[in-house]
Amino acid sequence: QVQLVESGGGLVQAGGSLRLSCAASGRTFSTYSAGWFRQAPGKEREFVAGIMRSSSNTFYADSVKGRFTISRDNAKNTVYLQMNNLEREDTAVYYCGTSRASLSIVIPRSPQMVGSWGQGTQVTVSS
């Protein structure tokens, strides 16, 4: 298992930007695909963005496409989520997660596909 710690959340005005980070422990982090998910009050956790092990492929939810960018630095064991042009609807707790298995060839696009979760970081967008 991989241990994950998110950071970078906060309060921002609509139209603003935030950069989330997800730091992983363990030397095998680079062998896992990873994703960002979010959960708003009263709603189910939903997929936001995902990235393959070598950053060769990324995938985004339609709601964030063109505004959010996922990236990773395997040398630093970190996954990032750059969020631009934030909207009130982006308000949620953001979680990062890794694939269930190392050397996975798929991006985790649903909570059921995630093997390890971080504790989450709150993002609040005000109007």
C-alpha atoms as a PDB file:
ATOM      1  CA  GLN A   1       0.000   0.000   0.000  1.00  0.00           C
ATOM      2  CA  VAL A   2       0.938   3.584  -0.579  1.00  0.00           C
ATOM      3  CA  GLN A   3       0.365   6.316   1.998  1.00  0.00           C
ATOM      4  CA  LEU A   4      -0.895   9.605   0.559  1.00  0.00           C
ATOM      5  CA  VAL A   5      -1.095  13.120   2.000  1.00  0.00           C
ATOM      6  CA  GLU A   6      -2.888  15.931   0.175  1.00  0.00           C
ATOM      7  CA  SER A   7      -2.218  19.632   0.630  1.00  0.00           C
ATOM      8  CA  GLY A   8      -2.880  22.945  -1.061  1.00  0.00           C
ATOM      9  CA  GLY A   9      -6.577  23.359  -0.490  1.00  0.00           C
ATOM     10  CA  GLY A  10      -8.133  26.571   0.738  1.00  0.00           C
ATOM     11  CA  LEU A  11     -10.601  29.361   0.106  1.00  0.00           C
ATOM     12  CA  VAL A  12     -10.484  31.088  -3.257  1.00  0.00           C
ATOM     13  CA  GLN A  13     -12.770  33.397  -5.207  1.00  0.00           C
ATOM     14  CA  ALA A  14     -14.479  32.233  -8.348  1.00  0.00           C
ATOM     15  CA  GLY A  15     -12.134  32.577 -11.293  1.00  0.00           C
ATOM     16  CA  GLY A  16      -9.095  32.005  -9.122  1.00  0.00           C
ATOM     17  CA  SER A  17      -6.561  29.185  -9.049  1.00  0.00           C
ATOM     18  CA  LEU A  18      -5.216  26.602  -6.644  1.00  0.00           C
ATOM     19  CA  ARG A  19      -2.612  23.887  -6.917  1.00  0.00           C
ATOM     20  CA  LEU A  20      -3.140  20.703  -4.976  1.00  0.00           C
ATOM     21  CA  SER A  21      -0.325  18.326  -4.122  1.00  0.00           C
ATOM     22  CA  CYS A  22      -0.442  14.677  -3.134  1.00  0.00           C
ATOM     23  CA  ALA A  23       2.743  13.359  -1.535  1.00  0.00           C
ATOM     24  CA  ALA A  24       3.215   9.605  -1.471  1.00  0.00           C
ATOM     25  CA  SER A  25       5.390   7.464   0.712  1.00  0.00           C
ATOM     26  CA  GLY A  26       7.140   4.392  -0.553  1.00  0.00           C
ATOM     27  CA  ARG A  27       9.616   3.785  -3.307  1.00  0.00           C
ATOM     28  CA  THR A  28       7.051   2.090  -5.539  1.00  0.00           C
ATOM     29  CA  PHE A  29       4.799   5.107  -6.105  1.00  0.00           C
ATOM     30  CA  SER A  30       6.007   5.434  -9.677  1.00  0.00           C
ATOM     31  CA  THR A  31       4.540   2.030 -10.471  1.00  0.00           C
ATOM     32  CA  TYR A  32       0.966   3.141  -9.691  1.00  0.00           C
ATOM     33  CA  SER A  33      -1.423   5.132 -11.798  1.00  0.00           C
ATOM     34  CA  ALA A  34      -3.142   7.890  -9.811  1.00  0.00           C
ATOM     35  CA  GLY A  35      -6.193  10.075  -9.768  1.00  0.00           C
ATOM     36  CA  TRP A  36      -7.896  13.002  -8.093  1.00  0.00           C
ATOM     37  CA  PHE A  37     -11.452  12.712  -6.859  1.00  0.00           C
ATOM     38  CA  ARG A  38     -13.758  15.093  -5.034  1.00  0.00           C
ATOM     39  CA  GLN A  39     -16.749  14.871  -2.763  1.00  0.00           C
ATOM     40  CA  ALA A  40     -19.183  17.700  -2.136  1.00  0.00           C
ATOM     41  CA  PRO A  41     -21.572  17.683   0.855  1.00  0.00           C
ATOM     42  CA  GLY A  42     -24.427  15.271   0.279  1.00  0.00           C
ATOM     43  CA  LYS A  43     -22.928  13.912  -2.929  1.00  0.00           C
ATOM     44  CA  GLU A  44     -20.981  10.834  -3.879  1.00  0.00           C
ATOM     45  CA  ARG A  45     -17.260  10.918  -4.463  1.00  0.00           C
ATOM     46  CA  GLU A  46     -16.577  11.596  -8.137  1.00  0.00           C
ATOM     47  CA  PHE A  47     -13.646  11.325 -10.491  1.00  0.00           C
ATOM     48  CA  VAL A  48     -11.848  14.540 -11.453  1.00  0.00           C
ATOM     49  CA  ALA A  49      -8.608  13.624 -13.244  1.00  0.00           C
ATOM     50  CA  GLY A  50      -6.221  10.714 -13.624  1.00  0.00           C
ATOM     51  CA  ILE A  51      -2.713  10.015 -14.833  1.00  0.00           C
ATOM     52  CA  MET A  52      -0.774   6.955 -15.866  1.00  0.00           C
ATOM     53  CA  ARG A  53       2.468   5.836 -14.181  1.00  0.00           C
ATOM     54  CA  SER A  54       4.791   7.602 -16.593  1.00  0.00           C
ATOM     55  CA  SER A  55       2.515  10.602 -17.264  1.00  0.00           C
ATOM     56  CA  SER A  56       2.067   9.216 -20.760  1.00  0.00           C
ATOM     57  CA  ASN A  57      -1.682   9.499 -20.567  1.00  0.00           C
ATOM     58  CA  THR A  58      -4.136  11.682 -18.674  1.00  0.00           C
ATOM     59  CA  PHE A  59      -7.911  11.749 -18.461  1.00  0.00           C
ATOM     60  CA  TYR A  60     -10.358  14.355 -17.168  1.00  0.00           C
ATOM     61  CA  ALA A  61     -13.974  14.597 -16.178  1.00  0.00           C
ATOM     62  CA  ASP A  62     -15.936  16.734 -18.621  1.00  0.00           C
ATOM     63  CA  SER A  63     -16.718  19.239 -15.879  1.00  0.00           C
ATOM     64  CA  VAL A  64     -13.051  20.178 -15.403  1.00  0.00           C
ATOM     65  CA  LYS A  65     -11.631  19.629 -18.870  1.00  0.00           C
ATOM     66  CA  GLY A  66      -9.732  22.698 -20.043  1.00  0.00           C
ATOM     67  CA  ARG A  67      -9.546  24.165 -16.528  1.00  0.00           C
ATOM     68  CA  PHE A  68      -7.676  21.512 -14.492  1.00  0.00           C
ATOM     69  CA  THR A  69      -4.336  19.868 -15.241  1.00  0.00           C
ATOM     70  CA  ILE A  70      -2.995  16.760 -13.550  1.00  0.00           C
ATOM     71  CA  SER A  71       0.729  16.023 -13.483  1.00  0.00           C
ATOM     72  CA  ARG A  72       3.193  13.988 -11.493  1.00  0.00           C
ATOM     73  CA  ASP A  73       6.845  14.047 -10.505  1.00  0.00           C
ATOM     74  CA  ASN A  74       7.895  10.489  -9.723  1.00  0.00           C
ATOM     75  CA  ALA A  75      11.282  11.645  -8.443  1.00  0.00           C
ATOM     76  CA  LYS A  76       9.392  13.564  -5.748  1.00  0.00           C
ATOM     77  CA  ASN A  77       6.669  10.940  -5.292  1.00  0.00           C
ATOM     78  CA  THR A  78       4.070  13.644  -5.867  1.00  0.00           C
ATOM     79  CA  VAL A  79       0.958  14.129  -7.959  1.00  0.00           C
ATOM     80  CA  TYR A  80      -0.372  17.621  -8.622  1.00  0.00           C
ATOM     81  CA  LEU A  81      -3.681  19.106  -9.654  1.00  0.00           C
ATOM     82  CA  GLN A  82      -3.534  22.615 -11.073  1.00  0.00           C
ATOM     83  CA  MET A  83      -6.994  24.141 -10.918  1.00  0.00           C
ATOM     84  CA  ASN A  84      -7.678  27.323 -12.883  1.00  0.00           C
ATOM     85  CA  ASN A  85     -10.822  29.366 -13.441  1.00  0.00           C
ATOM     86  CA  LEU A  86     -12.439  27.807 -10.395  1.00  0.00           C
ATOM     87  CA  GLU A  87     -16.213  27.784 -10.088  1.00  0.00           C
ATOM     88  CA  ARG A  88     -18.469  27.526  -7.035  1.00  0.00           C
ATOM     89  CA  GLU A  89     -19.426  24.052  -8.202  1.00  0.00           C
ATOM     90  CA  ASP A  90     -15.797  22.972  -7.659  1.00  0.00           C
ATOM     91  CA  THR A  91     -16.249  23.337  -3.900  1.00  0.00           C
ATOM     92  CA  ALA A  92     -15.558  19.940  -2.334  1.00  0.00           C
ATOM     93  CA  VAL A  93     -13.075  17.854  -0.402  1.00  0.00           C
ATOM     94  CA  TYR A  94     -10.439  16.683  -2.877  1.00  0.00           C
ATOM     95  CA  TYR A  95      -8.830  13.292  -2.504  1.00  0.00           C
ATOM     96  CA  CYS A  96      -5.999  11.627  -4.348  1.00  0.00           C
ATOM     97  CA  GLY A  97      -5.857   7.916  -4.861  1.00  0.00           C
ATOM     98  CA  THR A  98      -3.726   5.275  -6.519  1.00  0.00           C
ATOM     99  CA  SER A  99      -4.652   2.238  -8.543  1.00  0.00           C
ATOM    100  CA  ARG A 100      -5.261  -0.984  -6.652  1.00  0.00           C
ATOM    101  CA  ALA A 101      -2.301  -2.739  -8.214  1.00  0.00           C
ATOM    102  CA  SER A 102       1.154  -1.594  -9.182  1.00  0.00           C
ATOM    103  CA  LEU A 103       2.001  -1.648 -12.875  1.00  0.00           C
ATOM    104  CA  SER A 104      -1.681  -1.017 -13.578  1.00  0.00           C
ATOM    105  CA  ILE A 105      -2.427  -0.181 -17.196  1.00  0.00           C
ATOM    106  CA  VAL A 106      -5.581   1.743 -16.416  1.00  0.00           C
ATOM    107  CA  ILE A 107      -6.304   5.069 -14.762  1.00  0.00           C
ATOM    108  CA  PRO A 108      -8.565   4.765 -11.693  1.00  0.00           C
ATOM    109  CA  ARG A 109     -11.756   6.490 -12.868  1.00  0.00           C
ATOM    110  CA  SER A 110     -14.091   5.373 -10.121  1.00  0.00           C
ATOM    111  CA  PRO A 111     -13.684   5.098  -6.339  1.00  0.00           C
ATOM    112  CA  GLN A 112     -13.947   1.323  -6.671  1.00  0.00           C
ATOM    113  CA  MET A 113     -10.738   1.303  -8.705  1.00  0.00           C
ATOM    114  CA  VAL A 114      -8.710   3.050  -5.984  1.00  0.00           C
ATOM    115  CA  GLY A 115      -6.496   1.063  -3.640  1.00  0.00           C
ATOM    116  CA  SER A 116      -5.109   3.830  -1.429  1.00  0.00           C
ATOM    117  CA  TRP A 117      -6.648   7.154  -0.424  1.00  0.00           C
ATOM    118  CA  GLY A 118      -5.322  10.299   1.170  1.00  0.00           C
ATOM    119  CA  GLN A 119      -7.182  12.122   3.939  1.00  0.00           C
ATOM    120  CA  GLY A 120      -8.460  14.860   1.638  1.00  0.00           C
ATOM    121  CA  THR A 121      -8.060  18.625   1.407  1.00  0.00           C
ATOM    122  CA  GLN A 122     -10.910  21.141   1.403  1.00  0.00           C
ATOM    123  CA  VAL A 123     -11.387  23.473  -1.548  1.00  0.00           C
ATOM    124  CA  THR A 124     -13.958  26.232  -1.157  1.00  0.00           C
ATOM    125  CA  VAL A 125     -14.793  28.587  -4.010  1.00  0.00           C
ATOM    126  CA  SER A 126     -16.706  31.729  -3.142  1.00  0.00           C
ATOM    127  CA  SER A 127     -18.622  33.944  -5.525  1.00  0.00           C
END
